N, C-alpha and C. Protein backbone atom coordinates (compact mmCIF):
# COMPACT_ATOMS: atom_id res chain seq x y z
N UNK A 1 79.88 131.82 127.36
CA UNK A 1 80.64 133.03 127.83
C UNK A 1 80.22 133.39 129.22
N UNK A 2 81.12 133.57 130.04
CA UNK A 2 80.80 133.87 131.49
C UNK A 2 80.39 135.28 131.66
N UNK A 3 79.74 135.58 132.75
CA UNK A 3 79.26 136.91 133.06
C UNK A 3 80.48 137.81 133.21
N UNK A 4 81.59 137.29 133.89
CA UNK A 4 82.83 138.12 134.07
C UNK A 4 83.39 138.54 132.71
N UNK A 5 83.37 137.65 131.72
CA UNK A 5 83.93 137.97 130.43
C UNK A 5 83.08 138.98 129.80
N UNK A 6 81.80 138.88 129.89
CA UNK A 6 80.85 139.85 129.25
C UNK A 6 81.11 141.26 129.89
N UNK A 7 81.25 141.31 131.17
CA UNK A 7 81.45 142.56 131.79
C UNK A 7 82.78 143.21 131.42
N UNK A 8 83.87 142.42 131.34
CA UNK A 8 85.16 142.94 130.95
C UNK A 8 85.15 143.41 129.58
N UNK A 9 84.52 142.73 128.62
CA UNK A 9 84.53 143.10 127.21
C UNK A 9 83.65 144.39 127.12
N UNK A 10 82.56 144.45 127.78
CA UNK A 10 81.68 145.66 127.76
C UNK A 10 82.40 146.90 128.32
N UNK A 11 83.13 146.67 129.45
CA UNK A 11 83.79 147.73 130.08
C UNK A 11 84.97 148.28 129.20
N UNK A 12 85.61 147.34 128.54
CA UNK A 12 86.72 147.69 127.60
C UNK A 12 86.13 148.60 126.52
N UNK A 13 85.00 148.23 125.90
CA UNK A 13 84.45 149.05 124.83
C UNK A 13 83.97 150.38 125.34
N UNK A 14 83.48 150.45 126.52
CA UNK A 14 82.95 151.71 127.09
C UNK A 14 84.11 152.71 127.34
N UNK A 15 85.36 152.18 127.57
CA UNK A 15 86.50 153.03 127.79
C UNK A 15 87.18 153.52 126.54
N UNK A 16 86.87 152.97 125.39
CA UNK A 16 87.49 153.39 124.09
C UNK A 16 87.03 154.89 123.86
N UNK A 17 88.02 155.71 123.57
CA UNK A 17 87.57 157.08 123.26
C UNK A 17 86.86 157.27 121.98
N UNK A 18 86.12 158.30 121.88
CA UNK A 18 85.39 158.61 120.64
C UNK A 18 86.35 158.75 119.40
N UNK A 19 85.83 158.45 118.19
CA UNK A 19 86.62 158.52 116.95
C UNK A 19 87.75 157.51 116.92
N UNK A 20 87.44 156.35 117.55
CA UNK A 20 88.40 155.24 117.57
C UNK A 20 87.84 154.01 116.84
N UNK A 21 88.73 153.28 116.25
CA UNK A 21 88.39 151.98 115.67
C UNK A 21 88.71 150.83 116.58
N UNK A 22 87.99 149.70 116.49
CA UNK A 22 88.27 148.62 117.29
C UNK A 22 88.05 147.36 116.49
N UNK A 23 88.81 146.33 116.75
CA UNK A 23 88.79 145.03 116.10
C UNK A 23 88.67 144.00 117.14
N UNK A 24 88.21 142.77 116.73
CA UNK A 24 88.13 141.64 117.66
C UNK A 24 89.43 141.50 118.45
N UNK A 25 90.56 141.58 117.82
CA UNK A 25 91.82 141.29 118.47
C UNK A 25 92.19 142.39 119.48
N UNK A 26 91.46 143.48 119.48
CA UNK A 26 91.78 144.56 120.43
C UNK A 26 91.26 144.33 121.82
N UNK A 27 90.22 143.45 121.88
CA UNK A 27 89.46 143.25 123.14
C UNK A 27 90.24 142.10 123.94
N UNK A 28 90.57 142.39 125.23
CA UNK A 28 91.36 141.37 126.05
C UNK A 28 90.54 140.24 126.57
N UNK A 29 89.91 139.46 125.63
CA UNK A 29 89.23 138.24 126.03
C UNK A 29 89.18 137.32 124.84
N UNK A 30 88.52 136.28 124.90
CA UNK A 30 88.52 135.29 123.80
C UNK A 30 87.84 135.94 122.57
N UNK A 31 88.26 135.37 121.41
CA UNK A 31 87.69 135.92 120.16
C UNK A 31 86.20 135.79 120.07
N UNK A 32 85.71 134.65 120.65
CA UNK A 32 84.21 134.42 120.65
C UNK A 32 83.53 135.49 121.44
N UNK A 33 84.07 135.75 122.61
CA UNK A 33 83.48 136.83 123.51
C UNK A 33 83.64 138.23 122.87
N UNK A 34 84.76 138.46 122.22
CA UNK A 34 85.00 139.70 121.62
C UNK A 34 83.94 139.99 120.47
N UNK A 35 83.81 138.94 119.64
CA UNK A 35 82.82 139.07 118.53
C UNK A 35 81.41 139.40 119.04
N UNK A 36 81.07 138.64 120.12
CA UNK A 36 79.75 138.81 120.68
C UNK A 36 79.57 140.20 121.30
N UNK A 37 80.61 140.73 121.88
CA UNK A 37 80.58 142.02 122.51
C UNK A 37 80.41 143.11 121.42
N UNK A 38 81.18 142.94 120.34
CA UNK A 38 81.08 143.91 119.29
C UNK A 38 79.84 143.92 118.55
N UNK A 39 79.24 142.74 118.33
CA UNK A 39 77.92 142.64 117.73
C UNK A 39 76.88 143.27 118.57
N UNK A 40 76.92 143.03 119.90
CA UNK A 40 75.99 143.51 120.76
C UNK A 40 76.02 145.10 120.85
N UNK A 41 77.30 145.61 120.91
CA UNK A 41 77.51 147.06 120.95
C UNK A 41 76.96 147.72 119.65
N UNK A 42 77.19 147.11 118.53
CA UNK A 42 76.62 147.64 117.27
C UNK A 42 75.15 147.63 117.24
N UNK A 43 74.61 146.52 117.75
CA UNK A 43 73.17 146.43 117.74
C UNK A 43 72.52 147.46 118.68
N UNK A 44 73.26 147.72 119.76
CA UNK A 44 72.71 148.71 120.72
C UNK A 44 73.04 150.18 120.42
N UNK A 45 73.73 150.44 119.27
CA UNK A 45 74.07 151.73 118.79
C UNK A 45 75.26 152.37 119.53
N UNK A 46 76.12 151.48 120.21
CA UNK A 46 77.22 151.99 120.88
C UNK A 46 78.47 152.00 119.99
N UNK A 47 78.39 151.22 118.85
CA UNK A 47 79.44 151.19 117.89
C UNK A 47 78.76 151.14 116.46
N UNK A 48 79.48 151.43 115.47
CA UNK A 48 78.94 151.18 114.04
C UNK A 48 79.95 150.26 113.36
N UNK A 49 79.51 149.43 112.51
CA UNK A 49 80.37 148.57 111.75
C UNK A 49 80.85 149.34 110.57
N UNK A 50 82.18 149.50 110.50
CA UNK A 50 82.88 150.30 109.45
C UNK A 50 83.25 149.44 108.27
N UNK A 51 83.73 148.29 108.50
CA UNK A 51 84.17 147.34 107.41
C UNK A 51 84.12 145.95 108.03
N UNK A 52 84.49 144.96 107.26
CA UNK A 52 84.45 143.58 107.76
C UNK A 52 85.49 143.48 108.92
N UNK A 53 84.97 143.08 110.06
CA UNK A 53 85.79 142.86 111.26
C UNK A 53 86.28 144.17 111.87
N UNK A 54 85.77 145.32 111.44
CA UNK A 54 86.19 146.64 111.97
C UNK A 54 85.03 147.44 112.38
N UNK A 55 85.02 147.99 113.67
CA UNK A 55 84.00 148.80 114.20
C UNK A 55 84.58 150.13 114.60
N UNK A 56 83.65 151.07 114.72
CA UNK A 56 84.01 152.49 115.02
C UNK A 56 83.09 153.04 116.12
N UNK A 57 83.78 153.80 117.02
CA UNK A 57 83.03 154.52 118.08
C UNK A 57 83.01 155.97 117.73
N UNK A 58 81.94 156.43 117.19
CA UNK A 58 81.89 157.84 116.82
C UNK A 58 81.13 158.72 117.80
N UNK A 59 81.14 160.00 117.61
CA UNK A 59 80.41 160.87 118.50
C UNK A 59 78.92 160.64 118.31
N UNK A 60 78.18 160.79 119.43
CA UNK A 60 76.72 160.56 119.34
C UNK A 60 76.05 161.82 118.91
N UNK A 61 75.11 161.74 118.08
CA UNK A 61 74.29 162.86 117.59
C UNK A 61 72.85 162.50 117.83
N UNK A 62 71.98 163.47 117.55
CA UNK A 62 70.54 163.24 117.82
C UNK A 62 70.01 162.29 116.76
N UNK A 63 70.78 162.03 115.66
CA UNK A 63 70.40 161.05 114.63
C UNK A 63 71.06 159.69 114.84
N UNK A 64 71.83 159.56 115.94
CA UNK A 64 72.53 158.32 116.12
C UNK A 64 74.02 158.57 116.17
N UNK A 65 74.78 157.45 116.12
CA UNK A 65 76.24 157.55 116.15
C UNK A 65 76.82 158.01 114.78
N UNK A 66 77.62 159.03 114.78
CA UNK A 66 78.29 159.53 113.56
C UNK A 66 79.17 158.41 113.02
N UNK A 67 79.15 158.26 111.69
CA UNK A 67 79.98 157.22 111.05
C UNK A 67 81.33 157.89 110.56
N UNK A 68 82.34 157.08 110.49
CA UNK A 68 83.68 157.66 109.91
C UNK A 68 83.50 157.86 108.41
N UNK A 69 84.36 158.62 107.83
CA UNK A 69 84.38 158.83 106.39
C UNK A 69 84.85 157.54 105.68
N UNK A 70 84.48 157.42 104.43
CA UNK A 70 84.96 156.30 103.69
C UNK A 70 86.50 156.21 103.60
N UNK A 71 87.07 157.43 103.49
CA UNK A 71 88.55 157.51 103.34
C UNK A 71 89.19 157.13 104.71
N UNK A 72 88.69 157.60 105.84
CA UNK A 72 89.20 157.27 107.15
C UNK A 72 89.22 155.76 107.36
N UNK A 73 88.15 155.12 106.98
CA UNK A 73 88.06 153.64 107.20
C UNK A 73 89.04 152.92 106.25
N UNK A 74 89.12 153.35 105.01
CA UNK A 74 90.02 152.78 104.07
C UNK A 74 91.47 152.85 104.54
N UNK A 75 91.90 153.99 105.07
CA UNK A 75 93.26 154.15 105.56
C UNK A 75 93.49 153.41 106.81
N UNK A 76 92.43 153.17 107.63
CA UNK A 76 92.56 152.35 108.80
C UNK A 76 92.87 150.90 108.41
N UNK A 77 92.17 150.42 107.39
CA UNK A 77 92.32 149.05 106.93
C UNK A 77 93.64 148.84 106.12
N UNK A 78 93.93 149.78 105.26
CA UNK A 78 95.15 149.66 104.41
C UNK A 78 96.42 150.10 104.98
N UNK A 79 96.34 151.04 105.98
CA UNK A 79 97.57 151.66 106.56
C UNK A 79 97.78 152.97 105.80
N UNK A 80 98.40 153.88 106.54
CA UNK A 80 98.57 155.23 105.90
C UNK A 80 99.83 155.35 105.10
N UNK A 81 100.77 154.50 105.33
CA UNK A 81 102.02 154.58 104.47
C UNK A 81 101.86 153.68 103.32
N UNK A 82 102.33 154.18 102.21
CA UNK A 82 102.26 153.42 100.87
C UNK A 82 100.85 153.49 100.24
N UNK A 83 99.94 154.22 100.80
CA UNK A 83 98.63 154.32 100.27
C UNK A 83 98.25 155.86 100.17
N UNK A 84 97.69 156.16 99.00
CA UNK A 84 97.26 157.55 98.82
C UNK A 84 96.31 157.69 97.66
N UNK A 85 95.76 158.89 97.45
CA UNK A 85 94.81 159.04 96.42
C UNK A 85 95.30 159.01 95.00
N UNK A 86 94.54 158.57 94.08
CA UNK A 86 94.89 158.59 92.69
C UNK A 86 93.75 159.10 91.87
N UNK A 87 94.01 159.32 90.52
CA UNK A 87 93.02 159.80 89.65
C UNK A 87 92.42 161.10 90.14
N UNK A 88 91.06 161.20 89.89
CA UNK A 88 90.38 162.41 90.32
C UNK A 88 90.41 162.58 91.86
N UNK A 89 90.50 161.53 92.61
CA UNK A 89 90.56 161.71 94.06
C UNK A 89 91.82 162.44 94.50
N UNK A 90 92.96 162.17 93.79
CA UNK A 90 94.20 162.88 94.07
C UNK A 90 94.02 164.34 93.62
N UNK A 91 93.48 164.64 92.48
CA UNK A 91 93.32 165.98 92.02
C UNK A 91 92.39 166.80 92.96
N UNK A 92 91.42 166.19 93.43
CA UNK A 92 90.51 166.80 94.34
C UNK A 92 91.13 167.04 95.74
N UNK A 93 91.99 166.07 96.18
CA UNK A 93 92.64 166.30 97.44
C UNK A 93 93.61 167.42 97.43
N UNK A 94 94.18 167.64 96.24
CA UNK A 94 95.14 168.78 96.11
C UNK A 94 94.45 170.09 95.70
N UNK A 95 93.09 170.01 95.51
CA UNK A 95 92.33 171.23 95.11
C UNK A 95 92.58 171.58 93.71
N UNK A 96 92.78 170.61 92.81
CA UNK A 96 93.14 170.83 91.42
C UNK A 96 92.05 170.37 90.50
N UNK A 97 90.88 170.12 90.92
CA UNK A 97 89.75 169.75 90.09
C UNK A 97 88.44 170.05 90.90
N UNK A 98 87.37 170.24 90.10
CA UNK A 98 86.06 170.40 90.70
C UNK A 98 85.29 169.17 90.54
N UNK A 99 85.86 168.08 89.87
CA UNK A 99 85.23 166.84 89.66
C UNK A 99 85.09 166.12 91.12
N UNK A 100 83.94 165.50 91.31
CA UNK A 100 83.72 164.73 92.47
C UNK A 100 83.60 163.21 92.09
N UNK A 101 84.64 162.44 92.37
CA UNK A 101 84.62 161.06 91.91
C UNK A 101 83.51 160.25 92.60
N UNK A 102 82.97 159.28 91.86
CA UNK A 102 81.89 158.45 92.39
C UNK A 102 82.38 157.65 93.56
N UNK A 103 83.67 157.20 93.51
CA UNK A 103 84.26 156.42 94.57
C UNK A 103 85.55 157.04 94.95
N UNK A 104 86.11 156.68 96.11
CA UNK A 104 87.41 157.14 96.58
C UNK A 104 88.42 156.18 95.83
N UNK A 105 89.25 156.76 95.03
CA UNK A 105 90.29 156.06 94.35
C UNK A 105 91.55 156.05 95.07
N UNK A 106 92.13 154.88 95.47
CA UNK A 106 93.33 154.90 96.26
C UNK A 106 94.32 153.94 95.60
N UNK A 107 95.58 154.41 95.48
CA UNK A 107 96.70 153.53 95.05
C UNK A 107 97.41 152.97 96.27
N UNK A 108 97.71 151.72 96.18
CA UNK A 108 98.36 151.09 97.37
C UNK A 108 99.36 150.01 96.95
N UNK A 109 100.42 149.89 97.76
CA UNK A 109 101.43 148.86 97.51
C UNK A 109 101.05 147.63 98.33
N UNK A 110 100.15 147.72 99.24
CA UNK A 110 99.84 146.56 100.10
C UNK A 110 98.80 145.64 99.42
N UNK A 111 98.31 144.65 100.23
CA UNK A 111 97.37 143.59 99.73
C UNK A 111 96.08 144.39 99.27
N UNK A 112 95.46 143.81 98.22
CA UNK A 112 94.18 144.40 97.81
C UNK A 112 93.02 143.81 98.67
N UNK A 113 92.61 144.63 99.60
CA UNK A 113 91.59 144.28 100.60
C UNK A 113 90.17 144.34 99.87
N UNK A 114 89.36 143.37 100.31
CA UNK A 114 88.04 143.39 99.75
C UNK A 114 87.08 143.92 100.85
N UNK A 115 85.92 144.32 100.35
CA UNK A 115 84.84 144.70 101.30
C UNK A 115 84.94 146.17 101.73
N UNK A 116 85.71 147.01 101.03
CA UNK A 116 85.77 148.45 101.36
C UNK A 116 84.75 149.16 100.49
N UNK A 117 83.61 149.37 101.04
CA UNK A 117 82.48 149.94 100.30
C UNK A 117 82.86 151.47 99.95
N UNK A 118 82.61 151.72 98.68
CA UNK A 118 82.86 153.18 98.17
C UNK A 118 84.34 153.43 97.77
N UNK A 119 85.15 152.42 97.79
CA UNK A 119 86.53 152.55 97.53
C UNK A 119 87.00 151.78 96.26
N UNK A 120 87.72 152.33 95.43
CA UNK A 120 88.33 151.63 94.29
C UNK A 120 89.84 151.60 94.46
N UNK A 121 90.39 150.40 94.60
CA UNK A 121 91.80 150.26 94.84
C UNK A 121 92.58 150.01 93.61
N UNK A 122 93.77 150.58 93.44
CA UNK A 122 94.66 150.44 92.38
C UNK A 122 96.00 149.98 92.86
N UNK A 123 96.42 148.76 92.42
CA UNK A 123 97.68 148.19 92.85
C UNK A 123 98.86 148.83 92.22
N UNK A 124 99.93 149.26 93.00
CA UNK A 124 101.18 149.75 92.53
C UNK A 124 102.26 148.83 92.98
N UNK A 125 103.17 148.52 92.12
CA UNK A 125 104.21 147.47 92.47
C UNK A 125 105.58 148.07 92.87
N UNK A 126 105.66 149.39 93.02
CA UNK A 126 106.90 150.00 93.47
C UNK A 126 107.06 149.88 94.94
N UNK A 127 107.94 149.04 95.49
CA UNK A 127 108.05 148.91 96.95
C UNK A 127 108.59 150.08 97.61
N UNK A 128 109.23 150.95 96.88
CA UNK A 128 109.78 152.20 97.53
C UNK A 128 108.64 153.13 97.93
N UNK A 129 107.49 152.95 97.43
CA UNK A 129 106.30 153.73 97.88
C UNK A 129 105.91 153.46 99.31
N UNK A 130 106.39 152.38 99.86
CA UNK A 130 105.89 151.99 101.18
C UNK A 130 106.35 152.97 102.24
N UNK A 131 107.37 153.82 101.92
CA UNK A 131 107.83 154.77 102.89
C UNK A 131 107.10 156.13 102.72
N UNK A 132 106.28 156.24 101.66
CA UNK A 132 105.66 157.48 101.43
C UNK A 132 104.33 157.70 102.13
N UNK A 133 104.03 159.01 102.35
CA UNK A 133 102.79 159.39 103.05
C UNK A 133 101.66 159.45 102.04
N UNK A 134 100.49 159.61 102.53
CA UNK A 134 99.22 159.79 101.78
C UNK A 134 99.45 160.87 100.67
N UNK A 135 100.01 162.00 101.06
CA UNK A 135 100.19 163.11 100.15
C UNK A 135 101.29 162.86 99.18
N UNK A 136 102.38 162.19 99.58
CA UNK A 136 103.44 161.89 98.69
C UNK A 136 102.96 161.00 97.56
N UNK A 137 102.08 159.99 97.91
CA UNK A 137 101.53 159.10 96.97
C UNK A 137 100.66 159.88 96.03
N UNK A 138 99.80 160.77 96.54
CA UNK A 138 98.94 161.58 95.78
C UNK A 138 99.75 162.38 94.70
N UNK A 139 100.82 162.95 95.11
CA UNK A 139 101.66 163.74 94.11
C UNK A 139 102.18 162.86 93.03
N UNK A 140 102.71 161.68 93.35
CA UNK A 140 103.20 160.72 92.44
C UNK A 140 102.08 160.37 91.40
N UNK A 141 100.87 160.14 91.99
CA UNK A 141 99.78 159.78 91.03
C UNK A 141 99.35 160.86 90.10
N UNK A 142 99.46 162.12 90.61
CA UNK A 142 99.19 163.27 89.65
C UNK A 142 100.23 163.37 88.57
N UNK A 143 101.47 163.04 88.92
CA UNK A 143 102.53 163.01 87.95
C UNK A 143 102.32 161.88 86.95
N UNK A 144 101.67 160.82 87.42
CA UNK A 144 101.39 159.64 86.61
C UNK A 144 100.21 159.91 85.62
N UNK A 145 99.28 160.78 86.11
CA UNK A 145 98.01 160.96 85.35
C UNK A 145 97.68 162.45 85.36
N UNK A 146 98.52 163.34 84.77
CA UNK A 146 98.27 164.78 84.87
C UNK A 146 96.96 165.25 84.24
N UNK A 147 96.33 164.44 83.42
CA UNK A 147 95.12 164.86 82.72
C UNK A 147 93.97 165.06 83.67
N UNK A 148 94.02 164.67 84.95
CA UNK A 148 92.97 164.88 85.82
C UNK A 148 93.07 166.28 86.49
N UNK A 149 94.19 167.00 86.22
CA UNK A 149 94.34 168.31 86.75
C UNK A 149 93.61 169.31 85.85
N UNK A 150 92.68 169.97 86.34
CA UNK A 150 91.88 170.90 85.51
C UNK A 150 92.62 172.27 85.42
N UNK A 151 93.35 172.63 86.47
CA UNK A 151 93.91 173.93 86.54
C UNK A 151 95.40 174.06 86.06
N UNK A 152 95.94 172.98 85.47
CA UNK A 152 97.23 173.13 84.76
C UNK A 152 98.38 172.90 85.67
N UNK A 153 99.58 172.90 85.06
CA UNK A 153 100.86 172.55 85.68
C UNK A 153 101.15 173.60 86.77
N UNK A 154 101.02 174.85 86.48
CA UNK A 154 101.33 175.93 87.49
C UNK A 154 100.59 175.73 88.74
N UNK A 155 99.35 175.30 88.65
CA UNK A 155 98.61 175.03 89.89
C UNK A 155 99.18 173.87 90.62
N UNK A 156 99.56 172.80 89.93
CA UNK A 156 100.25 171.69 90.65
C UNK A 156 101.49 172.13 91.40
N UNK A 157 102.24 172.95 90.68
CA UNK A 157 103.53 173.43 91.29
C UNK A 157 103.17 174.23 92.59
N UNK A 158 102.21 175.08 92.45
CA UNK A 158 101.85 175.95 93.66
C UNK A 158 101.31 175.10 94.79
N UNK A 159 100.50 174.08 94.51
CA UNK A 159 99.98 173.21 95.60
C UNK A 159 101.11 172.36 96.17
N UNK A 160 102.02 171.92 95.35
CA UNK A 160 103.13 171.15 95.81
C UNK A 160 104.04 171.97 96.75
N UNK A 161 104.32 173.26 96.42
CA UNK A 161 105.10 174.14 97.24
C UNK A 161 104.44 174.37 98.56
N UNK A 162 103.14 174.54 98.57
CA UNK A 162 102.33 174.72 99.75
C UNK A 162 102.50 173.49 100.69
N UNK A 163 102.32 172.32 100.12
CA UNK A 163 102.38 171.09 100.89
C UNK A 163 103.72 170.76 101.37
N UNK A 164 104.78 171.14 100.65
CA UNK A 164 106.10 170.93 101.12
C UNK A 164 106.38 171.91 102.33
N UNK A 165 105.90 173.11 102.24
CA UNK A 165 106.10 174.02 103.35
C UNK A 165 105.32 173.56 104.64
N UNK A 166 104.19 172.86 104.39
CA UNK A 166 103.50 172.30 105.52
C UNK A 166 103.94 170.94 105.98
N UNK A 167 104.97 170.51 105.30
CA UNK A 167 105.58 169.20 105.60
C UNK A 167 104.67 168.00 105.39
N UNK A 168 103.77 168.21 104.48
CA UNK A 168 102.86 167.03 104.10
C UNK A 168 103.52 166.27 102.89
N UNK A 169 104.26 166.99 102.17
CA UNK A 169 105.04 166.27 101.07
C UNK A 169 106.53 166.31 101.35
N UNK A 170 107.14 165.17 101.13
CA UNK A 170 108.53 164.93 101.44
C UNK A 170 109.36 164.71 100.16
N UNK A 171 109.94 165.73 99.58
CA UNK A 171 110.58 165.57 98.29
C UNK A 171 111.74 164.53 98.30
N UNK A 172 112.50 164.40 99.38
CA UNK A 172 113.61 163.45 99.42
C UNK A 172 113.13 162.05 99.40
N UNK A 173 112.04 161.73 100.02
CA UNK A 173 111.46 160.37 100.00
C UNK A 173 110.87 160.05 98.65
N UNK A 174 110.20 161.11 98.02
CA UNK A 174 109.64 160.98 96.69
C UNK A 174 110.83 160.69 95.68
N UNK A 175 111.88 161.40 95.79
CA UNK A 175 113.02 161.25 94.88
C UNK A 175 113.60 159.83 94.98
N UNK A 176 113.51 159.26 96.21
CA UNK A 176 114.06 157.85 96.34
C UNK A 176 113.10 156.90 95.63
N UNK A 177 111.81 157.19 95.49
CA UNK A 177 110.81 156.28 94.94
C UNK A 177 110.73 156.45 93.46
N UNK A 178 110.99 157.63 92.91
CA UNK A 178 110.79 157.91 91.52
C UNK A 178 111.51 157.04 90.54
N UNK A 179 112.72 156.61 90.86
CA UNK A 179 113.50 155.80 89.88
C UNK A 179 112.77 154.52 89.44
N UNK A 180 111.86 154.03 90.26
CA UNK A 180 111.08 152.77 89.96
C UNK A 180 109.73 153.14 89.37
N UNK A 181 109.48 154.36 89.04
CA UNK A 181 108.20 154.75 88.39
C UNK A 181 108.38 154.80 86.87
N UNK A 182 107.30 154.99 86.18
CA UNK A 182 107.32 155.02 84.70
C UNK A 182 108.12 156.20 84.25
N UNK A 183 108.73 156.13 82.98
CA UNK A 183 109.55 157.23 82.45
C UNK A 183 108.87 158.56 82.50
N UNK A 184 107.55 158.61 82.16
CA UNK A 184 106.85 159.92 82.17
C UNK A 184 106.86 160.55 83.54
N UNK A 185 106.61 159.64 84.58
CA UNK A 185 106.60 160.15 85.98
C UNK A 185 107.96 160.72 86.25
N UNK A 186 109.00 159.96 85.94
CA UNK A 186 110.39 160.41 86.22
C UNK A 186 110.70 161.74 85.60
N UNK A 187 110.25 161.96 84.32
CA UNK A 187 110.45 163.19 83.63
C UNK A 187 109.75 164.33 84.28
N UNK A 188 108.43 164.05 84.63
CA UNK A 188 107.67 165.10 85.24
C UNK A 188 108.20 165.48 86.61
N UNK A 189 108.67 164.47 87.35
CA UNK A 189 109.16 164.76 88.70
C UNK A 189 110.41 165.66 88.60
N UNK A 190 111.30 165.33 87.58
CA UNK A 190 112.47 166.14 87.41
C UNK A 190 112.12 167.65 87.17
N UNK A 191 111.11 167.82 86.37
CA UNK A 191 110.65 169.21 86.08
C UNK A 191 110.11 169.86 87.35
N UNK A 192 109.26 169.09 88.05
CA UNK A 192 108.61 169.65 89.33
C UNK A 192 109.66 169.93 90.40
N UNK A 193 110.59 168.97 90.60
CA UNK A 193 111.62 169.17 91.61
C UNK A 193 112.46 170.41 91.35
N UNK A 194 112.76 170.62 90.04
CA UNK A 194 113.53 171.82 89.71
C UNK A 194 112.71 173.12 90.03
N UNK A 195 111.47 173.10 89.82
CA UNK A 195 110.62 174.28 90.11
C UNK A 195 110.42 174.42 91.65
N UNK A 196 110.37 173.34 92.39
CA UNK A 196 110.22 173.42 93.85
C UNK A 196 111.45 174.01 94.49
N UNK A 197 112.62 173.80 93.90
CA UNK A 197 113.86 174.36 94.45
C UNK A 197 114.22 175.68 93.80
N UNK A 198 113.52 176.13 92.83
CA UNK A 198 113.91 177.39 92.22
C UNK A 198 113.70 178.53 93.08
């Protein structure tokens, strides 16, 4: 690796803003030089390794560089569309349980990625979910598994109304995806949709 390549890779990493992820393919030089630059930056405390092949440039603190959250890294790897919380992770995201799951449970339509520490992935085969946001998926998962909701149906309705008003939940897109969900999910969505428009 030439000195020029080393300098250009180093300069590129220095220009990356805080709270950014970087991969080997992001650096404008050979993959060998990129890997070496990333490894060196992680060793020197200028980046932290977030997942396999993925690094993060966090804010510097007196204890070292801040790491991203498990959820942030998972969504960076999996993509934000078609992926969302499920089980108690969904209930907690919506403020409907006091349970703290041991791992972040995520439902996804995409490939089942390995090496995501602290994450439990659950494959969903409905391709219409690919157009849904994190929160849309979370709502579908709560309709799929309402037993994780401690505070009852009325609390789910209230949270859903709030998130619709904040444009985090998109009822039209969810309605397009629901026909390919299980019968219980379709029934519960029908009831919720009626209450959202009441």
